[in-house]
Amino acid sequence: MHLTLRPPASAVLPAGDPGARSYGPLPAVPRIEDGTPLPTVPAAAPHAAVSITCSREGLARARSFTRDTLGDWSLTHCGDDATLVMTELAANAVTHAASRCPGAPDVRLGFRLEPAHLLLTVSDPDDHPPVVSPGAGSGLEEHGRGLRIVDALSEAWGWTPTAPIGKTVWARLSTRPPI
């Protein structure tokens, strides 16, 4: 079974590329290659959520909440990757959404334990899709590498609009212990 969770090229808009194609949001329900919806996770699946302020303190809370949640779920082997992915997604939301939506509600982080996977979500009030910065792959840039890090550490990631405004950026990580 092969999962199609985002278009093969990217689920985001490349920045600064005049020939860039726009990829729309992902479908609400991930589907198998033949179009069959994946089985849904029961509503009783372990989940956790927290709102953070758009500040350095909020990002510190994102890191500690991630570590604490994974510790409670006996997933400390996923802790480093999940903490880095959540911090990058939260930093993007705090940096970009806060500047575009002053006075908007805080950023909301979510975790959902699925069979063999951990789903991380970050919701913010900004309607703009995430953007992969050009040249961020050089390793010499001080900013702009966040989504490339998310892509490298997650099995899949993407975004979806939320009603009435905003978006949710998500990443799916394996919960299998390392071999």
N, C-alpha and C. Protein backbone atom coordinates (compact mmCIF):
# COMPACT_ATOMS: atom_id res chain seq x y z
N MET A 1 0.86 -1.16 0.00
CA MET A 1 0.00 0.00 0.00
C MET A 1 0.90 1.23 0.00
N HIS A 2 0.65 2.15 -0.91
CA HIS A 2 1.43 3.38 -0.99
C HIS A 2 0.50 4.54 -0.66
N LEU A 3 0.92 5.38 0.30
CA LEU A 3 0.11 6.50 0.71
C LEU A 3 0.46 7.73 -0.11
N THR A 4 -0.55 8.47 -0.50
CA THR A 4 -0.33 9.74 -1.18
C THR A 4 -0.85 10.82 -0.25
N LEU A 5 0.07 11.47 0.45
CA LEU A 5 -0.33 12.47 1.42
C LEU A 5 -0.05 13.89 0.96
N ARG A 6 0.71 14.06 -0.12
CA ARG A 6 0.96 15.38 -0.69
C ARG A 6 1.38 15.18 -2.13
N PRO A 7 1.26 16.21 -2.93
CA PRO A 7 1.71 16.07 -4.32
C PRO A 7 3.18 15.70 -4.34
N PRO A 8 3.63 14.94 -5.35
CA PRO A 8 5.00 14.46 -5.36
C PRO A 8 6.05 15.57 -5.31
N ALA A 9 5.82 16.71 -5.92
CA ALA A 9 6.83 17.76 -5.94
C ALA A 9 6.92 18.49 -4.62
N SER A 10 5.80 18.83 -4.03
CA SER A 10 5.80 19.58 -2.79
C SER A 10 4.37 19.87 -2.38
N ALA A 11 4.18 20.15 -1.10
CA ALA A 11 2.85 20.52 -0.63
C ALA A 11 2.81 21.99 -0.28
N VAL A 12 3.83 22.72 -0.67
CA VAL A 12 3.91 24.13 -0.34
C VAL A 12 4.30 24.92 -1.58
N LEU A 13 4.29 26.23 -1.45
CA LEU A 13 4.67 27.09 -2.55
C LEU A 13 6.15 27.45 -2.44
N PRO A 14 6.96 27.15 -3.44
CA PRO A 14 8.35 27.58 -3.39
C PRO A 14 8.40 29.11 -3.50
N ALA A 15 9.18 29.75 -2.65
CA ALA A 15 9.27 31.21 -2.64
C ALA A 15 10.18 31.70 -3.75
N GLY A 16 9.83 32.81 -4.33
CA GLY A 16 10.70 33.51 -5.25
C GLY A 16 10.89 32.84 -6.61
N ASP A 17 10.19 31.79 -6.91
CA ASP A 17 10.36 31.11 -8.18
C ASP A 17 9.21 31.54 -9.09
N PRO A 18 9.48 32.39 -10.12
CA PRO A 18 8.40 32.88 -10.95
C PRO A 18 7.66 31.78 -11.69
N GLY A 19 8.32 30.66 -11.95
CA GLY A 19 7.66 29.57 -12.65
C GLY A 19 7.04 28.56 -11.71
N ALA A 20 6.99 28.89 -10.41
CA ALA A 20 6.50 27.94 -9.42
C ALA A 20 5.02 27.67 -9.63
N ARG A 21 4.66 26.42 -9.46
CA ARG A 21 3.26 26.05 -9.51
C ARG A 21 2.69 26.11 -8.11
N SER A 22 1.45 26.43 -7.99
CA SER A 22 0.79 26.49 -6.69
C SER A 22 0.15 25.14 -6.42
N TYR A 23 0.47 24.57 -5.29
CA TYR A 23 -0.15 23.31 -4.89
C TYR A 23 -1.21 23.63 -3.87
N GLY A 24 -2.39 23.18 -4.10
CA GLY A 24 -3.49 23.45 -3.18
C GLY A 24 -3.34 22.65 -1.91
N PRO A 25 -4.22 22.91 -0.98
CA PRO A 25 -4.17 22.19 0.28
C PRO A 25 -4.43 20.70 0.08
N LEU A 26 -3.97 19.94 1.02
CA LEU A 26 -4.16 18.50 0.97
C LEU A 26 -5.62 18.16 1.21
N PRO A 27 -6.04 17.01 0.75
CA PRO A 27 -7.40 16.59 1.06
C PRO A 27 -7.55 16.38 2.56
N ALA A 28 -8.75 16.59 3.05
CA ALA A 28 -9.01 16.46 4.48
C ALA A 28 -8.75 15.03 4.96
N VAL A 29 -9.00 14.05 4.10
CA VAL A 29 -8.78 12.65 4.46
C VAL A 29 -7.69 12.09 3.56
N PRO A 30 -6.52 11.71 4.12
CA PRO A 30 -5.49 11.09 3.28
C PRO A 30 -6.05 9.84 2.61
N ARG A 31 -5.59 9.59 1.40
CA ARG A 31 -6.11 8.47 0.63
C ARG A 31 -4.97 7.59 0.15
N ILE A 32 -5.32 6.32 -0.05
CA ILE A 32 -4.39 5.38 -0.65
C ILE A 32 -4.32 5.72 -2.14
N GLU A 33 -3.29 5.27 -2.81
CA GLU A 33 -3.05 5.62 -4.20
C GLU A 33 -4.27 5.41 -5.09
N ASP A 34 -5.07 4.38 -4.84
CA ASP A 34 -6.24 4.12 -5.68
C ASP A 34 -7.44 5.00 -5.32
N GLY A 35 -7.28 5.93 -4.36
CA GLY A 35 -8.35 6.85 -3.99
C GLY A 35 -9.15 6.41 -2.78
N THR A 36 -8.88 5.21 -2.28
CA THR A 36 -9.60 4.71 -1.11
C THR A 36 -9.16 5.49 0.13
N PRO A 37 -10.11 5.99 0.93
CA PRO A 37 -9.70 6.70 2.15
C PRO A 37 -9.00 5.75 3.12
N LEU A 38 -8.01 6.28 3.82
CA LEU A 38 -7.35 5.49 4.85
C LEU A 38 -8.31 5.26 6.00
N PRO A 39 -8.12 4.19 6.75
CA PRO A 39 -8.97 3.99 7.92
C PRO A 39 -8.77 5.17 8.88
N THR A 40 -9.85 5.59 9.48
CA THR A 40 -9.74 6.71 10.40
C THR A 40 -9.28 6.24 11.77
N VAL A 41 -8.64 7.12 12.48
CA VAL A 41 -8.19 6.83 13.84
C VAL A 41 -9.38 7.05 14.76
N PRO A 42 -9.65 6.13 15.68
CA PRO A 42 -10.79 6.31 16.57
C PRO A 42 -10.69 7.62 17.35
N ALA A 43 -11.84 8.21 17.65
CA ALA A 43 -11.86 9.47 18.39
C ALA A 43 -11.17 9.33 19.74
N ALA A 44 -11.12 8.11 20.25
CA ALA A 44 -10.50 7.88 21.55
C ALA A 44 -8.98 7.77 21.47
N ALA A 45 -8.41 7.94 20.27
CA ALA A 45 -6.95 7.87 20.12
C ALA A 45 -6.31 8.92 21.01
N PRO A 46 -5.18 8.58 21.63
CA PRO A 46 -4.53 9.56 22.50
C PRO A 46 -4.21 10.85 21.73
N HIS A 47 -4.54 11.96 22.36
CA HIS A 47 -4.26 13.25 21.75
C HIS A 47 -3.98 14.27 22.85
N ALA A 48 -3.30 15.32 22.48
CA ALA A 48 -2.98 16.40 23.41
C ALA A 48 -2.91 17.68 22.61
N ALA A 49 -3.23 18.80 23.25
CA ALA A 49 -3.19 20.09 22.59
C ALA A 49 -2.85 21.17 23.60
N VAL A 50 -2.26 22.23 23.10
CA VAL A 50 -1.92 23.38 23.95
C VAL A 50 -1.84 24.61 23.06
N SER A 51 -2.20 25.75 23.61
CA SER A 51 -2.01 27.02 22.92
C SER A 51 -0.76 27.67 23.46
N ILE A 52 -0.01 28.31 22.57
CA ILE A 52 1.18 29.03 22.99
C ILE A 52 1.07 30.48 22.55
N THR A 53 1.74 31.34 23.27
CA THR A 53 1.78 32.74 22.89
C THR A 53 2.79 32.92 21.77
N CYS A 54 2.66 33.97 21.04
CA CYS A 54 3.58 34.28 19.94
C CYS A 54 4.80 35.00 20.52
N SER A 55 5.64 34.22 21.21
CA SER A 55 6.80 34.77 21.90
C SER A 55 7.85 33.68 22.08
N ARG A 56 9.02 34.07 22.58
CA ARG A 56 10.06 33.08 22.89
C ARG A 56 9.58 32.13 23.97
N GLU A 57 8.83 32.67 24.93
CA GLU A 57 8.29 31.82 26.00
C GLU A 57 7.34 30.79 25.41
N GLY A 58 6.57 31.19 24.41
CA GLY A 58 5.66 30.26 23.75
C GLY A 58 6.41 29.13 23.06
N LEU A 59 7.53 29.45 22.43
CA LEU A 59 8.33 28.41 21.77
C LEU A 59 8.98 27.48 22.79
N ALA A 60 9.40 28.02 23.92
CA ALA A 60 9.94 27.17 24.99
C ALA A 60 8.85 26.23 25.50
N ARG A 61 7.63 26.75 25.61
CA ARG A 61 6.50 25.91 26.04
C ARG A 61 6.22 24.81 25.01
N ALA A 62 6.36 25.13 23.74
CA ALA A 62 6.15 24.12 22.69
C ALA A 62 7.14 22.98 22.85
N ARG A 63 8.41 23.31 23.10
CA ARG A 63 9.42 22.27 23.28
C ARG A 63 9.14 21.42 24.51
N SER A 64 8.86 22.07 25.64
CA SER A 64 8.64 21.29 26.87
C SER A 64 7.35 20.48 26.79
N PHE A 65 6.31 21.02 26.18
CA PHE A 65 5.06 20.28 26.04
C PHE A 65 5.26 19.05 25.15
N THR A 66 6.06 19.20 24.10
CA THR A 66 6.34 18.07 23.22
C THR A 66 7.07 16.98 23.99
N ARG A 67 8.14 17.34 24.69
CA ARG A 67 8.90 16.34 25.45
C ARG A 67 8.03 15.68 26.52
N ASP A 68 7.25 16.47 27.25
CA ASP A 68 6.40 15.93 28.31
C ASP A 68 5.34 14.98 27.75
N THR A 69 4.71 15.37 26.66
CA THR A 69 3.66 14.53 26.05
C THR A 69 4.24 13.21 25.58
N LEU A 70 5.37 13.26 24.89
CA LEU A 70 5.98 12.03 24.39
C LEU A 70 6.47 11.15 25.54
N GLY A 71 6.94 11.76 26.61
CA GLY A 71 7.33 10.99 27.79
C GLY A 71 6.13 10.28 28.41
N ASP A 72 5.01 11.00 28.51
CA ASP A 72 3.78 10.40 29.05
C ASP A 72 3.30 9.23 28.19
N TRP A 73 3.56 9.29 26.89
CA TRP A 73 3.12 8.25 25.96
C TRP A 73 4.20 7.20 25.72
N SER A 74 5.27 7.22 26.48
CA SER A 74 6.39 6.29 26.33
C SER A 74 6.99 6.33 24.92
N LEU A 75 7.11 7.52 24.39
CA LEU A 75 7.67 7.70 23.05
C LEU A 75 8.93 8.58 23.09
N THR A 76 9.71 8.42 24.14
CA THR A 76 10.91 9.25 24.25
C THR A 76 11.89 8.99 23.11
N HIS A 77 11.84 7.80 22.49
CA HIS A 77 12.71 7.53 21.35
C HIS A 77 12.38 8.42 20.14
N CYS A 78 11.21 9.02 20.13
CA CYS A 78 10.81 9.96 19.06
C CYS A 78 11.03 11.41 19.47
N GLY A 79 11.46 11.61 20.71
CA GLY A 79 11.48 12.94 21.30
C GLY A 79 12.31 13.97 20.58
N ASP A 80 13.53 13.64 20.19
CA ASP A 80 14.38 14.65 19.55
C ASP A 80 13.81 15.11 18.22
N ASP A 81 13.43 14.16 17.36
CA ASP A 81 12.89 14.53 16.05
C ASP A 81 11.57 15.28 16.20
N ALA A 82 10.68 14.76 17.04
CA ALA A 82 9.37 15.40 17.21
C ALA A 82 9.52 16.80 17.80
N THR A 83 10.43 16.98 18.75
CA THR A 83 10.63 18.29 19.35
C THR A 83 11.16 19.27 18.31
N LEU A 84 12.10 18.83 17.49
CA LEU A 84 12.64 19.71 16.46
C LEU A 84 11.58 20.06 15.43
N VAL A 85 10.81 19.08 14.97
CA VAL A 85 9.75 19.35 13.99
C VAL A 85 8.71 20.29 14.58
N MET A 86 8.25 20.02 15.79
CA MET A 86 7.23 20.89 16.41
C MET A 86 7.77 22.30 16.61
N THR A 87 9.02 22.42 17.03
CA THR A 87 9.61 23.74 17.24
C THR A 87 9.69 24.50 15.92
N GLU A 88 10.09 23.84 14.85
CA GLU A 88 10.18 24.52 13.55
C GLU A 88 8.80 24.97 13.07
N LEU A 89 7.80 24.10 13.19
CA LEU A 89 6.45 24.47 12.76
C LEU A 89 5.90 25.61 13.61
N ALA A 90 6.11 25.52 14.92
CA ALA A 90 5.63 26.57 15.83
C ALA A 90 6.36 27.89 15.57
N ALA A 91 7.67 27.83 15.34
CA ALA A 91 8.43 29.05 15.06
C ALA A 91 7.94 29.73 13.79
N ASN A 92 7.63 28.93 12.76
CA ASN A 92 7.08 29.52 11.53
C ASN A 92 5.75 30.20 11.81
N ALA A 93 4.89 29.54 12.56
CA ALA A 93 3.58 30.12 12.87
C ALA A 93 3.73 31.39 13.69
N VAL A 94 4.56 31.35 14.70
CA VAL A 94 4.76 32.51 15.57
C VAL A 94 5.37 33.67 14.77
N THR A 95 6.37 33.36 13.97
CA THR A 95 7.07 34.41 13.22
C THR A 95 6.20 35.03 12.14
N HIS A 96 5.56 34.20 11.35
CA HIS A 96 4.84 34.71 10.19
C HIS A 96 3.39 35.07 10.50
N ALA A 97 2.68 34.23 11.21
CA ALA A 97 1.27 34.51 11.51
C ALA A 97 1.14 35.71 12.43
N ALA A 98 2.00 35.80 13.42
CA ALA A 98 1.91 36.91 14.37
C ALA A 98 2.13 38.25 13.67
N SER A 99 3.06 38.28 12.72
CA SER A 99 3.33 39.54 12.03
C SER A 99 2.21 39.92 11.06
N ARG A 100 1.51 38.93 10.50
CA ARG A 100 0.44 39.21 9.54
C ARG A 100 -0.91 39.39 10.20
N CYS A 101 -1.06 38.86 11.43
CA CYS A 101 -2.36 38.86 12.10
C CYS A 101 -2.22 39.41 13.53
N PRO A 102 -1.82 40.68 13.68
CA PRO A 102 -1.66 41.20 15.04
C PRO A 102 -2.98 41.15 15.80
N GLY A 103 -2.88 40.81 17.06
CA GLY A 103 -4.07 40.71 17.90
C GLY A 103 -4.87 39.44 17.70
N ALA A 104 -4.38 38.55 16.84
CA ALA A 104 -5.09 37.29 16.57
C ALA A 104 -4.86 36.32 17.72
N PRO A 105 -5.67 35.29 17.80
CA PRO A 105 -5.49 34.30 18.87
C PRO A 105 -4.12 33.65 18.78
N ASP A 106 -3.74 33.00 19.85
CA ASP A 106 -2.46 32.32 19.92
C ASP A 106 -2.40 31.16 18.94
N VAL A 107 -1.21 30.60 18.83
CA VAL A 107 -0.97 29.43 17.98
C VAL A 107 -1.33 28.19 18.78
N ARG A 108 -1.96 27.22 18.13
CA ARG A 108 -2.39 25.99 18.81
C ARG A 108 -1.59 24.81 18.28
N LEU A 109 -1.02 24.04 19.22
CA LEU A 109 -0.24 22.85 18.88
C LEU A 109 -1.07 21.61 19.21
N GLY A 110 -0.94 20.58 18.39
CA GLY A 110 -1.67 19.35 18.66
C GLY A 110 -0.82 18.12 18.38
N PHE A 111 -1.09 17.07 19.13
CA PHE A 111 -0.45 15.77 18.95
C PHE A 111 -1.56 14.74 18.91
N ARG A 112 -1.42 13.78 18.03
CA ARG A 112 -2.38 12.68 17.97
C ARG A 112 -1.59 11.41 17.68
N LEU A 113 -1.78 10.44 18.53
CA LEU A 113 -1.10 9.17 18.37
C LEU A 113 -1.96 8.27 17.49
N GLU A 114 -1.42 7.92 16.34
CA GLU A 114 -2.09 7.04 15.39
C GLU A 114 -1.37 5.70 15.40
N PRO A 115 -1.95 4.68 14.83
CA PRO A 115 -1.24 3.41 14.76
C PRO A 115 0.09 3.59 14.02
N ALA A 116 1.19 3.39 14.71
CA ALA A 116 2.56 3.46 14.17
C ALA A 116 3.02 4.86 13.79
N HIS A 117 2.22 5.90 14.09
CA HIS A 117 2.60 7.26 13.73
C HIS A 117 2.19 8.26 14.80
N LEU A 118 2.89 9.37 14.79
CA LEU A 118 2.55 10.52 15.62
C LEU A 118 2.26 11.66 14.67
N LEU A 119 1.09 12.25 14.80
CA LEU A 119 0.70 13.38 13.97
C LEU A 119 0.87 14.65 14.79
N LEU A 120 1.69 15.57 14.28
CA LEU A 120 1.92 16.86 14.93
C LEU A 120 1.21 17.92 14.10
N THR A 121 0.49 18.82 14.76
CA THR A 121 -0.21 19.88 14.04
C THR A 121 0.08 21.23 14.70
N VAL A 122 0.13 22.25 13.88
CA VAL A 122 0.26 23.62 14.36
C VAL A 122 -0.76 24.45 13.59
N SER A 123 -1.68 25.06 14.32
CA SER A 123 -2.72 25.89 13.71
C SER A 123 -2.48 27.34 14.05
N ASP A 124 -2.64 28.20 13.04
CA ASP A 124 -2.46 29.63 13.26
C ASP A 124 -3.52 30.40 12.47
N PRO A 125 -3.69 31.69 12.74
CA PRO A 125 -4.76 32.46 12.10
C PRO A 125 -4.41 33.00 10.72
N ASP A 126 -3.23 32.70 10.19
CA ASP A 126 -2.79 33.23 8.90
C ASP A 126 -3.25 32.31 7.77
N ASP A 127 -3.88 32.88 6.75
CA ASP A 127 -4.37 32.09 5.62
C ASP A 127 -3.29 31.75 4.59
N HIS A 128 -2.12 32.38 4.66
CA HIS A 128 -1.07 32.13 3.69
C HIS A 128 -0.49 30.72 3.86
N PRO A 129 -0.24 30.02 2.75
CA PRO A 129 0.35 28.68 2.85
C PRO A 129 1.81 28.76 3.29
N PRO A 130 2.35 27.67 3.82
CA PRO A 130 3.77 27.65 4.17
C PRO A 130 4.61 27.78 2.90
N VAL A 131 5.79 28.36 3.04
CA VAL A 131 6.66 28.61 1.90
C VAL A 131 8.06 28.08 2.19
N VAL A 132 8.58 27.28 1.28
CA VAL A 132 9.96 26.81 1.39
C VAL A 132 10.84 27.90 0.80
N SER A 133 11.78 28.40 1.60
CA SER A 133 12.66 29.49 1.15
C SER A 133 13.67 28.99 0.13
N PRO A 134 13.88 29.75 -0.94
CA PRO A 134 14.89 29.36 -1.93
C PRO A 134 16.28 29.50 -1.31
N GLY A 135 17.17 28.63 -1.69
CA GLY A 135 18.54 28.71 -1.19
C GLY A 135 18.70 28.22 0.22
N ALA A 136 17.63 27.76 0.85
CA ALA A 136 17.72 27.33 2.23
C ALA A 136 18.47 26.02 2.37
N GLY A 137 18.73 25.35 1.26
CA GLY A 137 19.43 24.08 1.32
C GLY A 137 20.95 24.23 1.42
N SER A 138 21.45 25.45 1.32
CA SER A 138 22.90 25.63 1.32
C SER A 138 23.51 25.39 2.69
N GLY A 139 22.73 25.47 3.75
CA GLY A 139 23.25 25.25 5.09
C GLY A 139 23.95 26.47 5.67
N LEU A 140 24.15 27.50 4.87
CA LEU A 140 24.82 28.70 5.35
C LEU A 140 23.83 29.80 5.76
N GLU A 141 22.58 29.63 5.41
CA GLU A 141 21.56 30.61 5.75
C GLU A 141 21.21 30.53 7.23
N GLU A 142 21.00 31.69 7.84
CA GLU A 142 20.63 31.70 9.25
C GLU A 142 19.16 31.37 9.44
N HIS A 143 18.32 31.74 8.49
CA HIS A 143 16.88 31.50 8.58
C HIS A 143 16.41 30.79 7.31
N GLY A 144 15.23 30.22 7.36
CA GLY A 144 14.62 29.66 6.17
C GLY A 144 14.81 28.17 5.96
N ARG A 145 15.42 27.48 6.92
CA ARG A 145 15.64 26.04 6.74
C ARG A 145 14.57 25.19 7.42
N GLY A 146 13.65 25.80 8.15
CA GLY A 146 12.69 25.07 8.96
C GLY A 146 11.89 24.01 8.23
N LEU A 147 11.28 24.37 7.12
CA LEU A 147 10.45 23.40 6.40
C LEU A 147 11.29 22.31 5.75
N ARG A 148 12.52 22.60 5.41
CA ARG A 148 13.41 21.55 4.89
C ARG A 148 13.77 20.56 6.00
N ILE A 149 13.93 21.05 7.21
CA ILE A 149 14.17 20.18 8.37
C ILE A 149 12.94 19.31 8.61
N VAL A 150 11.76 19.92 8.57
CA VAL A 150 10.52 19.17 8.76
C VAL A 150 10.41 18.08 7.70
N ASP A 151 10.72 18.41 6.46
CA ASP A 151 10.64 17.44 5.37
C ASP A 151 11.63 16.29 5.58
N ALA A 152 12.81 16.61 6.07
CA ALA A 152 13.84 15.58 6.26
C ALA A 152 13.50 14.63 7.41
N LEU A 153 12.85 15.13 8.45
CA LEU A 153 12.59 14.31 9.64
C LEU A 153 11.23 13.62 9.65
N SER A 154 10.31 14.08 8.84
CA SER A 154 8.97 13.49 8.87
C SER A 154 8.76 12.56 7.69
N GLU A 155 7.82 11.62 7.86
CA GLU A 155 7.47 10.74 6.75
C GLU A 155 6.64 11.47 5.72
N ALA A 156 5.86 12.43 6.18
CA ALA A 156 5.02 13.24 5.30
C ALA A 156 4.65 14.51 6.06
N TRP A 157 4.35 15.56 5.31
CA TRP A 157 3.86 16.79 5.92
C TRP A 157 3.09 17.58 4.89
N GLY A 158 2.31 18.52 5.35
CA GLY A 158 1.51 19.34 4.44
C GLY A 158 0.74 20.36 5.24
N TRP A 159 -0.29 20.90 4.62
CA TRP A 159 -1.11 21.91 5.30
C TRP A 159 -2.54 21.84 4.77
N THR A 160 -3.43 22.39 5.55
CA THR A 160 -4.83 22.45 5.15
C THR A 160 -5.43 23.73 5.73
N PRO A 161 -6.34 24.38 5.00
CA PRO A 161 -6.97 25.58 5.55
C PRO A 161 -7.91 25.21 6.69
N THR A 162 -8.13 26.14 7.60
CA THR A 162 -9.08 25.93 8.69
C THR A 162 -10.17 26.99 8.60
N ALA A 163 -11.34 26.65 9.07
CA ALA A 163 -12.46 27.59 9.03
C ALA A 163 -12.57 28.31 10.37
N PRO A 164 -12.92 29.50 10.43
CA PRO A 164 -13.24 30.39 9.31
C PRO A 164 -12.00 31.04 8.69
N ILE A 165 -10.88 31.08 9.42
CA ILE A 165 -9.65 31.63 8.88
C ILE A 165 -8.48 30.78 9.35
N GLY A 166 -7.36 30.94 8.70
CA GLY A 166 -6.14 30.28 9.16
C GLY A 166 -5.83 28.99 8.43
N LYS A 167 -4.86 28.29 9.01
CA LYS A 167 -4.42 27.03 8.42
C LYS A 167 -3.87 26.14 9.52
N THR A 168 -3.73 24.86 9.20
CA THR A 168 -3.05 23.90 10.06
C THR A 168 -1.96 23.26 9.23
N VAL A 169 -0.73 23.33 9.74
CA VAL A 169 0.41 22.65 9.12
C VAL A 169 0.64 21.39 9.94
N TRP A 170 0.84 20.25 9.27
CA TRP A 170 0.96 18.99 9.98
C TRP A 170 2.19 18.23 9.50
N ALA A 171 2.67 17.37 10.37
CA ALA A 171 3.77 16.46 10.03
C ALA A 171 3.49 15.11 10.67
N ARG A 172 3.80 14.06 9.95
CA ARG A 172 3.60 12.70 10.45
C ARG A 172 4.96 12.03 10.64
N LEU A 173 5.22 11.56 11.86
CA LEU A 173 6.48 10.89 12.19
C LEU A 173 6.19 9.45 12.59
N SER A 174 7.11 8.58 12.30
CA SER A 174 6.98 7.18 12.70
C SER A 174 7.21 7.06 14.20
N THR A 175 6.49 6.16 14.84
CA THR A 175 6.70 5.90 16.26
C THR A 175 7.47 4.59 16.47
N ARG A 176 7.90 3.97 15.39
CA ARG A 176 8.67 2.73 15.52
C ARG A 176 10.02 3.03 16.15
N PRO A 177 10.42 2.23 17.13
CA PRO A 177 11.74 2.44 17.73
C PRO A 177 12.83 2.20 16.69
N PRO A 178 13.96 2.89 16.84
CA PRO A 178 15.06 2.67 15.88
C PRO A 178 15.58 1.26 16.00
N ILE A 179 16.10 0.75 14.90
CA ILE A 179 16.62 -0.63 14.88
C ILE A 179 18.00 -0.66 15.48
